[in-house]
C-alpha cells in the first residue's frame, strides 16, 4: 500500500478542517471533524489517482 502525506489545518472562519495532499494535483478537501476530513481525503485521493490512470506509476 502506498502512503501519501496530507497537510491539515483548521480554518477558524469556516470552522472546518482543510486537508491537501501536495503530491497529487487536485487532492484537497474539507470536513467538520478530523474523522470526516480523513474519510474525505481517502475519497478524493482515490478519485484523483483513478483519474491519473497510468500516470500513477510516476508517483510511486
PDB file of N, CA and C in Angstrom:
ATOM      1  N   UNK A   1       0.838  -1.179   0.000  1.00  0.00           N
ATOM      2  CA  UNK A   1       0.000   0.000   0.000  1.00  0.00           C
ATOM      3  C   UNK A   1       0.885   1.244   0.000  1.00  0.00           C
ATOM      4  N   UNK A   2       0.601   2.165  -0.870  1.00  0.00           N
ATOM      5  CA  UNK A   2       1.328   3.423  -0.964  1.00  0.00           C
ATOM      6  C   UNK A   2       0.755   4.407   0.042  1.00  0.00           C
ATOM      7  N   UNK A   3       1.615   5.160   0.685  1.00  0.00           N
ATOM      8  CA  UNK A   3       1.147   6.188   1.615  1.00  0.00           C
ATOM      9  C   UNK A   3       1.467   7.566   1.055  1.00  0.00           C
ATOM     10  N   UNK A   4       0.627   8.513   1.390  1.00  0.00           N
ATOM     11  CA  UNK A   4       0.804   9.896   0.968  1.00  0.00           C
ATOM     12  C   UNK A   4       0.710  10.796   2.190  1.00  0.00           C
ATOM     13  N   UNK A   5       1.418  11.892   2.157  1.00  0.00           N
ATOM     14  CA  UNK A   5       1.372  12.862   3.244  1.00  0.00           C
ATOM     15  C   UNK A   5       0.305  13.901   2.951  1.00  0.00           C
ATOM     16  N   UNK A   6      -0.512  14.172   3.964  1.00  0.00           N
ATOM     17  CA  UNK A   6      -1.537  15.210   3.847  1.00  0.00           C
ATOM     18  C   UNK A   6      -1.230  16.300   4.865  1.00  0.00           C
ATOM     19  N   UNK A   7      -1.412  17.533   4.465  1.00  0.00           N
ATOM     20  CA  UNK A   7      -1.285  18.670   5.370  1.00  0.00           C
ATOM     21  C   UNK A   7      -2.682  19.098   5.776  1.00  0.00           C
ATOM     22  N   UNK A   8      -2.856  19.292   7.071  1.00  0.00           N
ATOM     23  CA  UNK A   8      -4.174  19.613   7.616  1.00  0.00           C
ATOM     24  C   UNK A   8      -4.070  20.875   8.456  1.00  0.00           C
ATOM     25  N   UNK A   9      -5.045  21.751   8.279  1.00  0.00           N
ATOM     26  CA  UNK A   9      -5.143  22.918   9.159  1.00  0.00           C
ATOM     27  C   UNK A   9      -6.607  23.216   9.436  1.00  0.00           C
ATOM     28  N   UNK A  10      -6.829  23.899  10.533  1.00  0.00           N
ATOM     29  CA  UNK A  10      -8.181  24.283  10.916  1.00  0.00           C
ATOM     30  C   UNK A  10      -8.421  25.714  10.471  1.00  0.00           C
ATOM     31  N   UNK A  11      -9.536  25.946   9.780  1.00  0.00           N
ATOM     32  CA  UNK A  11      -9.903  27.288   9.324  1.00  0.00           C
ATOM     33  C   UNK A  11     -10.936  27.860  10.295  1.00  0.00           C
ATOM     34  N   UNK A  12     -10.536  28.811  11.139  1.00  0.00           N
ATOM     35  CA  UNK A  12     -11.464  29.355  12.127  1.00  0.00           C
ATOM     36  C   UNK A  12     -12.619  30.149  11.514  1.00  0.00           C
ATOM     37  N   UNK A  13     -12.444  30.647  10.309  1.00  0.00           N
ATOM     38  CA  UNK A  13     -13.520  31.408   9.658  1.00  0.00           C
ATOM     39  C   UNK A  13     -14.686  30.509   9.268  1.00  0.00           C
ATOM     40  N   UNK A  14     -14.382  29.291   8.838  1.00  0.00           N
ATOM     41  CA  UNK A  14     -15.435  28.366   8.407  1.00  0.00           C
ATOM     42  C   UNK A  14     -15.695  27.257   9.424  1.00  0.00           C
ATOM     43  N   UNK A  15     -14.833  27.179  10.451  1.00  0.00           N
ATOM     44  CA  UNK A  15     -14.904  26.100  11.447  1.00  0.00           C
ATOM     45  C   UNK A  15     -14.780  24.722  10.801  1.00  0.00           C
ATOM     46  N   UNK A  16     -13.938  24.634   9.778  1.00  0.00           N
ATOM     47  CA  UNK A  16     -13.711  23.375   9.074  1.00  0.00           C
ATOM     48  C   UNK A  16     -12.227  23.038   9.076  1.00  0.00           C
ATOM     49  N   UNK A  17     -11.948  21.743   9.044  1.00  0.00           N
ATOM     50  CA  UNK A  17     -10.588  21.275   8.821  1.00  0.00           C
ATOM     51  C   UNK A  17     -10.383  21.167   7.314  1.00  0.00           C
ATOM     52  N   UNK A  18      -9.226  21.619   6.860  1.00  0.00           N
ATOM     53  CA  UNK A  18      -8.902  21.599   5.437  1.00  0.00           C
ATOM     54  C   UNK A  18      -7.674  20.714   5.256  1.00  0.00           C
ATOM     55  N   UNK A  19      -7.744  19.812   4.283  1.00  0.00           N
ATOM     56  CA  UNK A  19      -6.628  18.912   4.030  1.00  0.00           C
ATOM     57  C   UNK A  19      -6.218  18.947   2.572  1.00  0.00           C
ATOM     58  N   UNK A  20      -4.914  18.800   2.350  1.00  0.00           N
ATOM     59  CA  UNK A  20      -4.373  18.785   0.991  1.00  0.00           C
ATOM     60  C   UNK A  20      -3.263  17.739   0.919  1.00  0.00           C
ATOM     61  N   UNK A  21      -3.216  17.027  -0.204  1.00  0.00           N
ATOM     62  CA  UNK A  21      -2.133  16.079  -0.485  1.00  0.00           C
ATOM     63  C   UNK A  21      -1.303  16.736  -1.585  1.00  0.00           C
ATOM     64  N   UNK A  22      -0.176  17.356  -1.219  1.00  0.00           N
ATOM     65  CA  UNK A  22       0.567  18.173  -2.182  1.00  0.00           C
ATOM     66  C   UNK A  22       1.101  17.430  -3.404  1.00  0.00           C
ATOM     67  N   UNK A  23       1.382  16.138  -3.295  1.00  0.00           N
ATOM     68  CA  UNK A  23       1.943  15.397  -4.441  1.00  0.00           C
ATOM     69  C   UNK A  23       0.914  15.084  -5.508  1.00  0.00           C
ATOM     70  N   UNK A  24      -0.373  15.233  -5.178  1.00  0.00           N
ATOM     71  CA  UNK A  24      -1.436  14.867  -6.109  1.00  0.00           C
ATOM     72  C   UNK A  24      -2.252  16.107  -6.458  1.00  0.00           C
ATOM     73  N   UNK A  25      -2.151  16.532  -7.706  1.00  0.00           N
ATOM     74  CA  UNK A  25      -2.884  17.712  -8.148  1.00  0.00           C
ATOM     75  C   UNK A  25      -4.387  17.500  -7.967  1.00  0.00           C
ATOM     76  N   UNK A  26      -5.036  18.454  -7.308  1.00  0.00           N
ATOM     77  CA  UNK A  26      -6.478  18.400  -7.112  1.00  0.00           C
ATOM     78  C   UNK A  26      -6.915  17.659  -5.866  1.00  0.00           C
ATOM     79  N   UNK A  27      -5.971  17.092  -5.114  1.00  0.00           N
ATOM     80  CA  UNK A  27      -6.326  16.322  -3.916  1.00  0.00           C
ATOM     81  C   UNK A  27      -6.408  17.246  -2.706  1.00  0.00           C
ATOM     82  N   UNK A  28      -7.560  17.855  -2.544  1.00  0.00           N
ATOM     83  CA  UNK A  28      -7.811  18.708  -1.383  1.00  0.00           C
ATOM     84  C   UNK A  28      -9.287  18.622  -1.040  1.00  0.00           C
ATOM     85  N   UNK A  29      -9.591  18.768   0.242  1.00  0.00           N
ATOM     86  CA  UNK A  29     -10.971  18.653   0.697  1.00  0.00           C
ATOM     87  C   UNK A  29     -11.099  19.281   2.076  1.00  0.00           C
ATOM     88  N   UNK A  30     -12.280  19.179   2.650  1.00  0.00           N
ATOM     89  CA  UNK A  30     -12.521  19.738   3.978  1.00  0.00           C
ATOM     90  C   UNK A  30     -13.497  18.849   4.726  1.00  0.00           C
ATOM     91  N   UNK A  31     -13.577  19.060   6.042  1.00  0.00           N
ATOM     92  CA  UNK A  31     -14.506  18.298   6.864  1.00  0.00           C
ATOM     93  C   UNK A  31     -14.760  19.002   8.181  1.00  0.00           C
ATOM     94  N   UNK A  32     -15.913  18.752   8.770  1.00  0.00           N
ATOM     95  CA  UNK A  32     -16.285  19.381  10.036  1.00  0.00           C
ATOM     96  C   UNK A  32     -15.514  18.780  11.212  1.00  0.00           C
ATOM     97  N   UNK A  33     -15.088  17.526  11.072  1.00  0.00           N
ATOM     98  CA  UNK A  33     -14.296  16.852  12.102  1.00  0.00           C
ATOM     99  C   UNK A  33     -13.077  16.228  11.444  1.00  0.00           C
ATOM    100  N   UNK A  34     -12.108  15.841  12.262  1.00  0.00           N
ATOM    101  CA  UNK A  34     -10.929  15.179  11.706  1.00  0.00           C
ATOM    102  C   UNK A  34     -11.287  13.832  11.092  1.00  0.00           C
ATOM    103  N   UNK A  35     -12.235  13.120  11.700  1.00  0.00           N
ATOM    104  CA  UNK A  35     -12.675  11.841  11.126  1.00  0.00           C
ATOM    105  C   UNK A  35     -13.316  12.044   9.756  1.00  0.00           C
ATOM    106  N   UNK A  36     -14.161  13.063   9.647  1.00  0.00           N
ATOM    107  CA  UNK A  36     -14.800  13.361   8.358  1.00  0.00           C
ATOM    108  C   UNK A  36     -13.754  13.769   7.331  1.00  0.00           C
ATOM    109  N   UNK A  37     -12.800  14.582   7.752  1.00  0.00           N
ATOM    110  CA  UNK A  37     -11.740  15.007   6.836  1.00  0.00           C
ATOM    111  C   UNK A  37     -10.929  13.809   6.362  1.00  0.00           C
ATOM    112  N   UNK A  38     -10.607  12.894   7.263  1.00  0.00           N
ATOM    113  CA  UNK A  38      -9.843  11.708   6.876  1.00  0.00           C
ATOM    114  C   UNK A  38     -10.593  10.896   5.826  1.00  0.00           C
ATOM    115  N   UNK A  39     -11.874  10.691   6.030  1.00  0.00           N
ATOM    116  CA  UNK A  39     -12.680   9.947   5.059  1.00  0.00           C
ATOM    117  C   UNK A  39     -12.730  10.685   3.719  1.00  0.00           C
ATOM    118  N   UNK A  40     -12.914  12.002   3.773  1.00  0.00           N
ATOM    119  CA  UNK A  40     -12.971  12.800   2.545  1.00  0.00           C
ATOM    120  C   UNK A  40     -11.639  12.768   1.802  1.00  0.00           C
ATOM    121  N   UNK A  41     -10.525  12.800   2.548  1.00  0.00           N
ATOM    122  CA  UNK A  41      -9.210  12.729   1.908  1.00  0.00           C
ATOM    123  C   UNK A  41      -9.014  11.388   1.203  1.00  0.00           C
ATOM    124  N   UNK A  42      -9.453  10.307   1.829  1.00  0.00           N
ATOM    125  CA  UNK A  42      -9.352   8.992   1.185  1.00  0.00           C
ATOM    126  C   UNK A  42     -10.140   8.973  -0.119  1.00  0.00           C
ATOM    127  N   UNK A  43     -11.350   9.514  -0.076  1.00  0.00           N
ATOM    128  CA  UNK A  43     -12.200   9.515  -1.270  1.00  0.00           C
ATOM    129  C   UNK A  43     -11.604  10.361  -2.389  1.00  0.00           C
ATOM    130  N   UNK A  44     -11.153  11.568  -2.051  1.00  0.00           N
ATOM    131  CA  UNK A  44     -10.614  12.448  -3.093  1.00  0.00           C
ATOM    132  C   UNK A  44      -9.310  11.880  -3.649  1.00  0.00           C
ATOM    133  N   UNK A  45      -8.523  11.233  -2.800  1.00  0.00           N
ATOM    134  CA  UNK A  45      -7.282  10.631  -3.272  1.00  0.00           C
ATOM    135  C   UNK A  45      -7.572   9.485  -4.234  1.00  0.00           C
ATOM    136  N   UNK A  46      -8.547   8.651  -3.908  1.00  0.00           N
ATOM    137  CA  UNK A  46      -8.932   7.568  -4.812  1.00  0.00           C
ATOM    138  C   UNK A  46      -9.395   8.116  -6.159  1.00  0.00           C
ATOM    139  N   UNK A  47     -10.203   9.164  -6.128  1.00  0.00           N
ATOM    140  CA  UNK A  47     -10.699   9.760  -7.375  1.00  0.00           C
ATOM    141  C   UNK A  47      -9.565  10.350  -8.203  1.00  0.00           C
ATOM    142  N   UNK A  48      -8.657  11.059  -7.542  1.00  0.00           N
ATOM    143  CA  UNK A  48      -7.544  11.677  -8.265  1.00  0.00           C
ATOM    144  C   UNK A  48      -6.624  10.623  -8.869  1.00  0.00           C
ATOM    145  N   UNK A  49      -6.343   9.566  -8.111  1.00  0.00           N
ATOM    146  CA  UNK A  49      -5.464   8.512  -8.627  1.00  0.00           C
ATOM    147  C   UNK A  49      -6.132   7.750  -9.760  1.00  0.00           C
ATOM    148  N   UNK A  50      -7.429   7.559  -9.657  1.00  0.00           N
ATOM    149  CA  UNK A  50      -8.173   6.915 -10.750  1.00  0.00           C
ATOM    150  C   UNK A  50      -8.097   7.770 -12.010  1.00  0.00           C
ATOM    151  N   UNK A  51      -8.214   9.070 -11.840  1.00  0.00           N
ATOM    152  CA  UNK A  51      -8.153   9.998 -12.974  1.00  0.00           C
ATOM    153  C   UNK A  51      -6.759   9.987 -13.615  1.00  0.00           C
ATOM    154  N   UNK A  52      -5.726   9.854 -12.780  1.00  0.00           N
ATOM    155  CA  UNK A  52      -4.360   9.829 -13.299  1.00  0.00           C
ATOM    156  C   UNK A  52      -4.091   8.575 -14.118  1.00  0.00           C
ATOM    157  N   UNK A  53      -4.762   7.487 -13.777  1.00  0.00           N
ATOM    158  CA  UNK A  53      -4.611   6.245 -14.529  1.00  0.00           C
ATOM    159  C   UNK A  53      -3.179   5.772 -14.596  1.00  0.00           C
ATOM    160  N   UNK A  54      -2.650   5.624 -15.789  1.00  0.00           N
ATOM    161  CA  UNK A  54      -1.297   5.118 -15.989  1.00  0.00           C
ATOM    162  C   UNK A  54      -0.248   6.054 -15.415  1.00  0.00           C
ATOM    163  N   UNK A  55      -0.541   7.329 -15.321  1.00  0.00           N
ATOM    164  CA  UNK A  55       0.426   8.279 -14.792  1.00  0.00           C
ATOM    165  C   UNK A  55       0.705   8.049 -13.313  1.00  0.00           C
ATOM    166  N   UNK A  56      -0.123   7.241 -12.642  1.00  0.00           N
ATOM    167  CA  UNK A  56       0.057   6.960 -11.226  1.00  0.00           C
ATOM    168  C   UNK A  56       1.411   6.319 -10.955  1.00  0.00           C
ATOM    169  N   UNK A  57       1.918   5.535 -11.879  1.00  0.00           N
ATOM    170  CA  UNK A  57       3.197   4.852 -11.669  1.00  0.00           C
ATOM    171  C   UNK A  57       4.340   5.832 -11.437  1.00  0.00           C
ATOM    172  N   UNK A  58       4.237   7.030 -11.944  1.00  0.00           N
ATOM    173  CA  UNK A  58       5.297   8.019 -11.744  1.00  0.00           C
ATOM    174  C   UNK A  58       5.327   8.546 -10.317  1.00  0.00           C
ATOM    175  N   UNK A  59       4.268   8.307  -9.541  1.00  0.00           N
ATOM    176  CA  UNK A  59       4.209   8.793  -8.165  1.00  0.00           C
ATOM    177  C   UNK A  59       4.750   7.782  -7.163  1.00  0.00           C
ATOM    178  N   UNK A  60       5.025   6.578  -7.620  1.00  0.00           N
ATOM    179  CA  UNK A  60       5.488   5.530  -6.706  1.00  0.00           C
ATOM    180  C   UNK A  60       7.000   5.557  -6.600  1.00  0.00           C
TER     181      UNK A  60
END
